[in-house]
C-alpha cells in the first residue's frame, strides 16, 4: 500500500485541521501494487494451473494490472470519488461469475462452461485487481463503500508520518514479490507430512538436550 501523507506536527499551528492530515493511496502506489501482483501471478500461474498457456498467463497479468487502476479511472470525473467504482461487491460478483463460468465447481480445474476460458480468466484477473485497489484504499481517507455504494466505512482511523508510510510501502511490495520465489521451493516442502517430520525432529532434539542436561552433575556448575 502506498499512501501520500501530509506531514504536519500537532501544535505547529493553533489552526490545525485534522482533515488536512490524511494518508491516501496514490496513483504511483496503485501502479506499483498492480505490477507486483502481476509479477506474483506470472511466477505462480503454472503452479496454480498446470499446463496453462503463456498467452493466457500474460493476459491475466495485464488484467490484474489494469484492475488495480480501474476504480479511479472509471469515475470519469463524474462519479463521486470512492463510491460506486470502489464498491467491492461489484468485483466479488464479477470474480464469482468468471470463476463459475470457467472452472469445475469447488476446484481450480479450468473447464469452459457458459464462458470461454480466456474471457472468464480475464474477468477474474480484472476483478482481483479492482479488489486490490479497493482494499488498499480502505484503511485511509474515510474508508470505502462497504455495504452501500454511497456510504463509506472506515477500517482504521490511523494516520502515518512519511517514514512509516515508506515502511508499509516496502513491506507490501516484498510480500507480493516474495511469490516470485515460490517456484523455487521443492514440491512437498510445506506438506503436512513434511511439517510433522520437522516437528518430530525438533521434539526429539529437545528431549535429547533435556536428558543431557539432567545427567550433568550439579558439581559441574560449582
C-alpha atoms as a PDB file:
ATOM      1  CA  UNK A   1       0.000   0.000   0.000  1.00  0.00           C
ATOM      2  CA  UNK A   2       1.299   3.377  -0.855  1.00  0.00           C
ATOM      3  CA  UNK A   3      -0.095   6.487   0.720  1.00  0.00           C
ATOM      4  CA  UNK A   4       0.740  10.128   0.312  1.00  0.00           C
ATOM      5  CA  UNK A   5       0.911  11.601   3.799  1.00  0.00           C
ATOM      6  CA  UNK A   6       0.921  15.250   4.707  1.00  0.00           C
ATOM      7  CA  UNK A   7       3.483  15.662   7.470  1.00  0.00           C
ATOM      8  CA  UNK A   8       2.001  18.114   9.914  1.00  0.00           C
ATOM      9  CA  UNK A   9       3.020  18.179  13.553  1.00  0.00           C
ATOM     10  CA  UNK A  10       0.340  18.719  16.163  1.00  0.00           C
ATOM     11  CA  UNK A  11       0.821  22.024  17.880  1.00  0.00           C
ATOM     12  CA  UNK A  12       2.718  23.582  14.984  1.00  0.00           C
ATOM     13  CA  UNK A  13      -0.300  25.709  14.278  1.00  0.00           C
ATOM     14  CA  UNK A  14      -3.145  26.737  16.506  1.00  0.00           C
ATOM     15  CA  UNK A  15      -5.435  26.349  13.485  1.00  0.00           C
ATOM     16  CA  UNK A  16      -4.523  22.691  12.947  1.00  0.00           C
ATOM     17  CA  UNK A  17      -7.112  20.949  10.783  1.00  0.00           C
ATOM     18  CA  UNK A  18      -7.253  17.160  11.126  1.00  0.00           C
ATOM     19  CA  UNK A  19      -8.790  16.831   7.658  1.00  0.00           C
ATOM     20  CA  UNK A  20      -5.562  18.134   6.131  1.00  0.00           C
ATOM     21  CA  UNK A  21      -3.519  15.382   7.785  1.00  0.00           C
ATOM     22  CA  UNK A  22      -4.529  12.382   5.751  1.00  0.00           C
ATOM     23  CA  UNK A  23      -2.939   9.383   4.118  1.00  0.00           C
ATOM     24  CA  UNK A  24      -4.256   8.197   0.799  1.00  0.00           C
ATOM     25  CA  UNK A  25      -3.070   5.729  -1.749  1.00  0.00           C
ATOM     26  CA  UNK A  26      -1.626   7.490  -4.805  1.00  0.00           C
ATOM     27  CA  UNK A  27      -1.620   6.546  -8.476  1.00  0.00           C
ATOM     28  CA  UNK A  28       2.042   5.652  -8.088  1.00  0.00           C
ATOM     29  CA  UNK A  29       1.105   3.264  -5.284  1.00  0.00           C
ATOM     30  CA  UNK A  30      -1.610   1.543  -7.314  1.00  0.00           C
ATOM     31  CA  UNK A  31       0.783   1.149 -10.251  1.00  0.00           C
ATOM     32  CA  UNK A  32       3.412  -0.497  -8.065  1.00  0.00           C
ATOM     33  CA  UNK A  33       0.852  -2.767  -6.427  1.00  0.00           C
ATOM     34  CA  UNK A  34      -0.510  -3.757  -9.828  1.00  0.00           C
ATOM     35  CA  UNK A  35       2.952  -4.572 -11.175  1.00  0.00           C
ATOM     36  CA  UNK A  36       3.834  -6.585  -8.065  1.00  0.00           C
ATOM     37  CA  UNK A  37       0.571  -8.552  -8.272  1.00  0.00           C
ATOM     38  CA  UNK A  38       1.074  -9.200 -11.994  1.00  0.00           C
ATOM     39  CA  UNK A  39       4.588 -10.485 -11.344  1.00  0.00           C
ATOM     40  CA  UNK A  40       3.364 -12.669  -8.479  1.00  0.00           C
ATOM     41  CA  UNK A  41       0.666 -14.168 -10.719  1.00  0.00           C
ATOM     42  CA  UNK A  42       3.131 -14.760 -13.560  1.00  0.00           C
ATOM     43  CA  UNK A  43       5.507 -16.585 -11.208  1.00  0.00           C
ATOM     44  CA  UNK A  44       2.829 -18.839  -9.699  1.00  0.00           C
ATOM     45  CA  UNK A  45       0.337 -19.343 -12.553  1.00  0.00           C
ATOM     46  CA  UNK A  46       1.807 -22.653 -13.710  1.00  0.00           C
ATOM     47  CA  UNK A  47       1.683 -23.981 -10.146  1.00  0.00           C
ATOM     48  CA  UNK A  48      -1.944 -22.977  -9.690  1.00  0.00           C
ATOM     49  CA  UNK A  49      -2.992 -24.072 -13.182  1.00  0.00           C
ATOM     50  CA  UNK A  50      -0.585 -26.730 -14.508  1.00  0.00           C
ATOM     51  CA  UNK A  51      -0.345 -26.549 -18.281  1.00  0.00           C
ATOM     52  CA  UNK A  52      -1.725 -23.015 -18.568  1.00  0.00           C
ATOM     53  CA  UNK A  53      -0.661 -21.322 -21.798  1.00  0.00           C
ATOM     54  CA  UNK A  54       1.780 -18.436 -21.634  1.00  0.00           C
ATOM     55  CA  UNK A  55      -0.573 -16.206 -23.620  1.00  0.00           C
ATOM     56  CA  UNK A  56      -3.342 -16.695 -21.040  1.00  0.00           C
ATOM     57  CA  UNK A  57      -0.907 -16.077 -18.175  1.00  0.00           C
ATOM     58  CA  UNK A  58       0.152 -12.778 -19.732  1.00  0.00           C
ATOM     59  CA  UNK A  59      -3.449 -11.771 -20.444  1.00  0.00           C
ATOM     60  CA  UNK A  60      -4.458 -12.317 -16.816  1.00  0.00           C
ATOM     61  CA  UNK A  61      -1.360 -10.407 -15.654  1.00  0.00           C
ATOM     62  CA  UNK A  62      -2.426  -7.468 -17.826  1.00  0.00           C
ATOM     63  CA  UNK A  63      -5.994  -7.506 -16.495  1.00  0.00           C
ATOM     64  CA  UNK A  64      -4.687  -7.646 -12.907  1.00  0.00           C
ATOM     65  CA  UNK A  65      -2.588  -4.561 -13.562  1.00  0.00           C
ATOM     66  CA  UNK A  66      -5.421  -2.710 -15.305  1.00  0.00           C
ATOM     67  CA  UNK A  67      -7.800  -3.649 -12.498  1.00  0.00           C
ATOM     68  CA  UNK A  68      -5.505  -2.034  -9.942  1.00  0.00           C
ATOM     69  CA  UNK A  69      -6.003   1.293 -11.732  1.00  0.00           C
ATOM     70  CA  UNK A  70      -9.578   0.937 -12.956  1.00  0.00           C
ATOM     71  CA  UNK A  71     -11.684   2.043  -9.948  1.00  0.00           C
ATOM     72  CA  UNK A  72     -10.265   5.583 -10.092  1.00  0.00           C
ATOM     73  CA  UNK A  73     -10.306   5.950 -13.888  1.00  0.00           C
ATOM     74  CA  UNK A  74     -13.843   4.569 -14.202  1.00  0.00           C
ATOM     75  CA  UNK A  75     -15.112   7.582 -12.274  1.00  0.00           C
ATOM     76  CA  UNK A  76     -14.537   9.739 -15.379  1.00  0.00           C
ATOM     77  CA  UNK A  77     -14.572  12.802 -13.094  1.00  0.00           C
ATOM     78  CA  UNK A  78     -18.358  12.401 -12.918  1.00  0.00           C
ATOM     79  CA  UNK A  79     -18.910   9.705 -10.296  1.00  0.00           C
ATOM     80  CA  UNK A  80     -18.019  10.893  -6.770  1.00  0.00           C
ATOM     81  CA  UNK A  81     -14.679   9.511  -5.627  1.00  0.00           C
ATOM     82  CA  UNK A  82     -14.766   6.228  -3.733  1.00  0.00           C
ATOM     83  CA  UNK A  83     -18.411   5.442  -4.274  1.00  0.00           C
ATOM     84  CA  UNK A  84     -19.798   3.145  -6.976  1.00  0.00           C
ATOM     85  CA  UNK A  85     -16.462   2.271  -8.597  1.00  0.00           C
ATOM     86  CA  UNK A  86     -14.983   1.352  -5.202  1.00  0.00           C
ATOM     87  CA  UNK A  87     -17.899  -0.857  -4.104  1.00  0.00           C
ATOM     88  CA  UNK A  88     -16.158  -4.233  -3.572  1.00  0.00           C
ATOM     89  CA  UNK A  89     -19.265  -6.365  -4.001  1.00  0.00           C
ATOM     90  CA  UNK A  90     -19.407  -5.491  -7.707  1.00  0.00           C
ATOM     91  CA  UNK A  91     -15.989  -7.049  -8.172  1.00  0.00           C
ATOM     92  CA  UNK A  92     -16.698 -10.030  -5.917  1.00  0.00           C
ATOM     93  CA  UNK A  93     -19.715 -10.841  -8.094  1.00  0.00           C
ATOM     94  CA  UNK A  94     -17.623 -10.348 -11.235  1.00  0.00           C
ATOM     95  CA  UNK A  95     -14.988 -12.750  -9.876  1.00  0.00           C
ATOM     96  CA  UNK A  96     -17.692 -15.255  -8.965  1.00  0.00           C
ATOM     97  CA  UNK A  97     -19.149 -15.175 -12.473  1.00  0.00           C
ATOM     98  CA  UNK A  98     -15.683 -15.515 -14.013  1.00  0.00           C
ATOM     99  CA  UNK A  99     -14.889 -18.480 -11.784  1.00  0.00           C
ATOM    100  CA  UNK A 100     -18.220 -20.266 -12.221  1.00  0.00           C
ATOM    101  CA  UNK A 101     -18.062 -19.903 -15.998  1.00  0.00           C
ATOM    102  CA  UNK A 102     -14.573 -21.362 -16.401  1.00  0.00           C
ATOM    103  CA  UNK A 103     -13.940 -23.809 -13.540  1.00  0.00           C
ATOM    104  CA  UNK A 104     -15.122 -27.124 -12.271  1.00  0.00           C
ATOM    105  CA  UNK A 105     -17.029 -26.006  -9.195  1.00  0.00           C
ATOM    106  CA  UNK A 106     -15.025 -26.298  -5.988  1.00  0.00           C
ATOM    107  CA  UNK A 107     -11.701 -26.800  -7.757  1.00  0.00           C
ATOM    108  CA  UNK A 108      -9.045 -24.874  -9.672  1.00  0.00           C
ATOM    109  CA  UNK A 109      -9.521 -27.044 -12.741  1.00  0.00           C
ATOM    110  CA  UNK A 110     -10.162 -24.968 -15.852  1.00  0.00           C
ATOM    111  CA  UNK A 111     -13.221 -26.104 -17.745  1.00  0.00           C
ATOM    112  CA  UNK A 112     -15.100 -23.969 -20.238  1.00  0.00           C
ATOM    113  CA  UNK A 113     -18.717 -23.514 -19.211  1.00  0.00           C
ATOM    114  CA  UNK A 114     -21.036 -20.622 -20.043  1.00  0.00           C
ATOM    115  CA  UNK A 115     -17.873 -18.547 -20.601  1.00  0.00           C
ATOM    116  CA  UNK A 116     -14.823 -19.357 -22.651  1.00  0.00           C
ATOM    117  CA  UNK A 117     -11.697 -19.718 -20.547  1.00  0.00           C
ATOM    118  CA  UNK A 118      -9.998 -16.607 -21.927  1.00  0.00           C
ATOM    119  CA  UNK A 119     -12.938 -14.339 -21.104  1.00  0.00           C
ATOM    120  CA  UNK A 120     -13.543 -15.847 -17.685  1.00  0.00           C
ATOM    121  CA  UNK A 121      -9.906 -15.667 -16.607  1.00  0.00           C
ATOM    122  CA  UNK A 122      -9.663 -12.069 -17.831  1.00  0.00           C
ATOM    123  CA  UNK A 123     -12.719 -11.264 -15.692  1.00  0.00           C
ATOM    124  CA  UNK A 124     -11.070 -12.921 -12.682  1.00  0.00           C
ATOM    125  CA  UNK A 125      -7.829 -11.012 -13.162  1.00  0.00           C
ATOM    126  CA  UNK A 126      -9.627  -7.694 -13.556  1.00  0.00           C
ATOM    127  CA  UNK A 127     -11.835  -8.350 -10.521  1.00  0.00           C
ATOM    128  CA  UNK A 128      -8.887  -9.253  -8.289  1.00  0.00           C
ATOM    129  CA  UNK A 129      -7.028  -6.155  -9.447  1.00  0.00           C
ATOM    130  CA  UNK A 130     -10.014  -3.944  -8.620  1.00  0.00           C
ATOM    131  CA  UNK A 131     -10.428  -5.611  -5.233  1.00  0.00           C
ATOM    132  CA  UNK A 132      -6.748  -4.978  -4.513  1.00  0.00           C
ATOM    133  CA  UNK A 133      -7.215  -1.291  -5.356  1.00  0.00           C
ATOM    134  CA  UNK A 134     -10.331  -1.050  -3.198  1.00  0.00           C
ATOM    135  CA  UNK A 135      -8.948  -2.785  -0.122  1.00  0.00           C
ATOM    136  CA  UNK A 136      -5.684  -0.851  -0.323  1.00  0.00           C
ATOM    137  CA  UNK A 137      -7.799   2.317  -0.131  1.00  0.00           C
ATOM    138  CA  UNK A 138      -9.936   1.017   2.731  1.00  0.00           C
ATOM    139  CA  UNK A 139      -7.877   1.954   5.818  1.00  0.00           C
ATOM    140  CA  UNK A 140      -7.490   5.595   4.835  1.00  0.00           C
ATOM    141  CA  UNK A 141      -9.165   8.795   3.758  1.00  0.00           C
ATOM    142  CA  UNK A 142     -12.643   7.985   5.001  1.00  0.00           C
ATOM    143  CA  UNK A 143     -12.748   4.309   4.013  1.00  0.00           C
ATOM    144  CA  UNK A 144     -14.670   2.649   1.188  1.00  0.00           C
ATOM    145  CA  UNK A 145     -18.378   1.988   0.495  1.00  0.00           C
ATOM    146  CA  UNK A 146     -18.520  -1.457   2.091  1.00  0.00           C
ATOM    147  CA  UNK A 147     -22.277  -2.002   2.429  1.00  0.00           C
ATOM    148  CA  UNK A 148     -23.771   0.701   0.215  1.00  0.00           C
ATOM    149  CA  UNK A 149     -22.162   2.338  -2.831  1.00  0.00           C
ATOM    150  CA  UNK A 150     -22.685   5.810  -1.393  1.00  0.00           C
ATOM    151  CA  UNK A 151     -21.723   5.292   2.271  1.00  0.00           C
ATOM    152  CA  UNK A 152     -18.085   4.869   3.269  1.00  0.00           C
ATOM    153  CA  UNK A 153     -17.000   2.667   6.133  1.00  0.00           C
ATOM    154  CA  UNK A 154     -13.650   3.169   7.844  1.00  0.00           C
ATOM    155  CA  UNK A 155     -11.384   0.262   8.731  1.00  0.00           C
ATOM    156  CA  UNK A 156      -8.769   2.042  10.809  1.00  0.00           C
ATOM    157  CA  UNK A 157      -8.630   5.723  11.561  1.00  0.00           C
ATOM    158  CA  UNK A 158      -4.822   5.801  11.612  1.00  0.00           C
ATOM    159  CA  UNK A 159      -2.560   8.449  10.148  1.00  0.00           C
ATOM    160  CA  UNK A 160       1.036   7.734   9.207  1.00  0.00           C
ATOM    161  CA  UNK A 161       4.020  10.033   9.071  1.00  0.00           C
ATOM    162  CA  UNK A 162       6.131   9.815   5.925  1.00  0.00           C
ATOM    163  CA  UNK A 163       8.724   7.400   7.376  1.00  0.00           C
ATOM    164  CA  UNK A 164       6.061   4.904   8.458  1.00  0.00           C
ATOM    165  CA  UNK A 165       4.408   5.238   5.077  1.00  0.00           C
ATOM    166  CA  UNK A 166       7.614   4.180   3.299  1.00  0.00           C
ATOM    167  CA  UNK A 167       7.993   1.218   5.644  1.00  0.00           C
ATOM    168  CA  UNK A 168       4.493   0.000   4.814  1.00  0.00           C
ATOM    169  CA  UNK A 169       5.124   0.538   1.111  1.00  0.00           C
ATOM    170  CA  UNK A 170       8.236  -1.617   1.137  1.00  0.00           C
ATOM    171  CA  UNK A 171       6.603  -4.286   3.313  1.00  0.00           C
ATOM    172  CA  UNK A 172       3.672  -4.744   0.925  1.00  0.00           C
ATOM    173  CA  UNK A 173       5.970  -4.804  -2.082  1.00  0.00           C
ATOM    174  CA  UNK A 174       8.113  -7.502  -0.511  1.00  0.00           C
ATOM    175  CA  UNK A 175       5.028  -9.553   0.361  1.00  0.00           C
ATOM    176  CA  UNK A 176       3.867  -9.605  -3.253  1.00  0.00           C
ATOM    177  CA  UNK A 177       7.343 -10.052  -4.710  1.00  0.00           C
ATOM    178  CA  UNK A 178       8.007 -12.985  -2.380  1.00  0.00           C
ATOM    179  CA  UNK A 179       5.679 -15.001  -4.611  1.00  0.00           C
ATOM    180  CA  UNK A 180       8.397 -14.868  -7.267  1.00  0.00           C
ATOM    181  CA  UNK A 181      10.395 -17.364  -5.204  1.00  0.00           C
ATOM    182  CA  UNK A 182       7.599 -19.924  -4.744  1.00  0.00           C
ATOM    183  CA  UNK A 183       8.511 -21.889  -7.913  1.00  0.00           C
ATOM    184  CA  UNK A 184      12.000 -22.429  -6.432  1.00  0.00           C
ATOM    185  CA  UNK A 185      10.613 -24.255  -3.372  1.00  0.00           C
ATOM    186  CA  UNK A 186      10.654 -28.071  -3.854  1.00  0.00           C
ATOM    187  CA  UNK A 187       7.288 -29.809  -4.031  1.00  0.00           C
ATOM    188  CA  UNK A 188       6.077 -31.108  -0.700  1.00  0.00           C
ATOM    189  CA  UNK A 189       8.150 -28.706   1.366  1.00  0.00           C
ATOM    190  CA  UNK A 190       5.108 -27.461   3.252  1.00  0.00           C
ATOM    191  CA  UNK A 191       3.054 -30.657   3.110  1.00  0.00           C
ATOM    192  CA  UNK A 192       1.516 -31.915   6.402  1.00  0.00           C
ATOM    193  CA  UNK A 193       3.913 -34.875   6.367  1.00  0.00           C
ATOM    194  CA  UNK A 194       6.947 -32.627   5.951  1.00  0.00           C
ATOM    195  CA  UNK A 195       5.846 -30.246   8.708  1.00  0.00           C
ATOM    196  CA  UNK A 196       5.062 -33.183  11.011  1.00  0.00           C
ATOM    197  CA  UNK A 197       8.544 -34.604  10.396  1.00  0.00           C
ATOM    198  CA  UNK A 198      10.200 -31.301  11.279  1.00  0.00           C
ATOM    199  CA  UNK A 199       8.187 -31.030  14.499  1.00  0.00           C
ATOM    200  CA  UNK A 200       9.083 -34.619  15.436  1.00  0.00           C
ATOM    201  CA  UNK A 201      12.774 -33.951  14.871  1.00  0.00           C
ATOM    202  CA  UNK A 202      12.575 -30.795  16.983  1.00  0.00           C
ATOM    203  CA  UNK A 203      10.841 -32.698  19.785  1.00  0.00           C
ATOM    204  CA  UNK A 204      13.472 -35.454  19.717  1.00  0.00           C
ATOM    205  CA  UNK A 205      16.262 -32.869  19.783  1.00  0.00           C
ATOM    206  CA  UNK A 206      14.658 -31.126  22.754  1.00  0.00           C
ATOM    207  CA  UNK A 207      14.269 -34.440  24.604  1.00  0.00           C
ATOM    208  CA  UNK A 208      17.923 -35.385  23.970  1.00  0.00           C
ATOM    209  CA  UNK A 209      19.088 -31.987  25.177  1.00  0.00           C
ATOM    210  CA  UNK A 210      16.973 -32.264  28.303  1.00  0.00           C
ATOM    211  CA  UNK A 211      18.376 -35.715  29.107  1.00  0.00           C
ATOM    212  CA  UNK A 212      21.928 -34.455  28.610  1.00  0.00           C
ATOM    213  CA  UNK A 213      21.369 -31.556  30.995  1.00  0.00           C
ATOM    214  CA  UNK A 214      19.814 -33.842  33.612  1.00  0.00           C
ATOM    215  CA  UNK A 215      22.830 -36.204  33.547  1.00  0.00           C
ATOM    216  CA  UNK A 216      25.320 -33.420  34.272  1.00  0.00           C
ATOM    217  CA  UNK A 217      26.315 -33.489  37.943  1.00  0.00           C
ATOM    218  CA  UNK A 218      25.439 -30.366  39.937  1.00  0.00           C
ATOM    219  CA  UNK A 219      29.094 -30.059  40.997  1.00  0.00           C
ATOM    220  CA  UNK A 220      29.961 -29.239  37.412  1.00  0.00           C
ATOM    221  CA  UNK A 221      28.421 -25.792  37.859  1.00  0.00           C
ATOM    222  CA  UNK A 222      30.143 -25.068  41.187  1.00  0.00           C
END
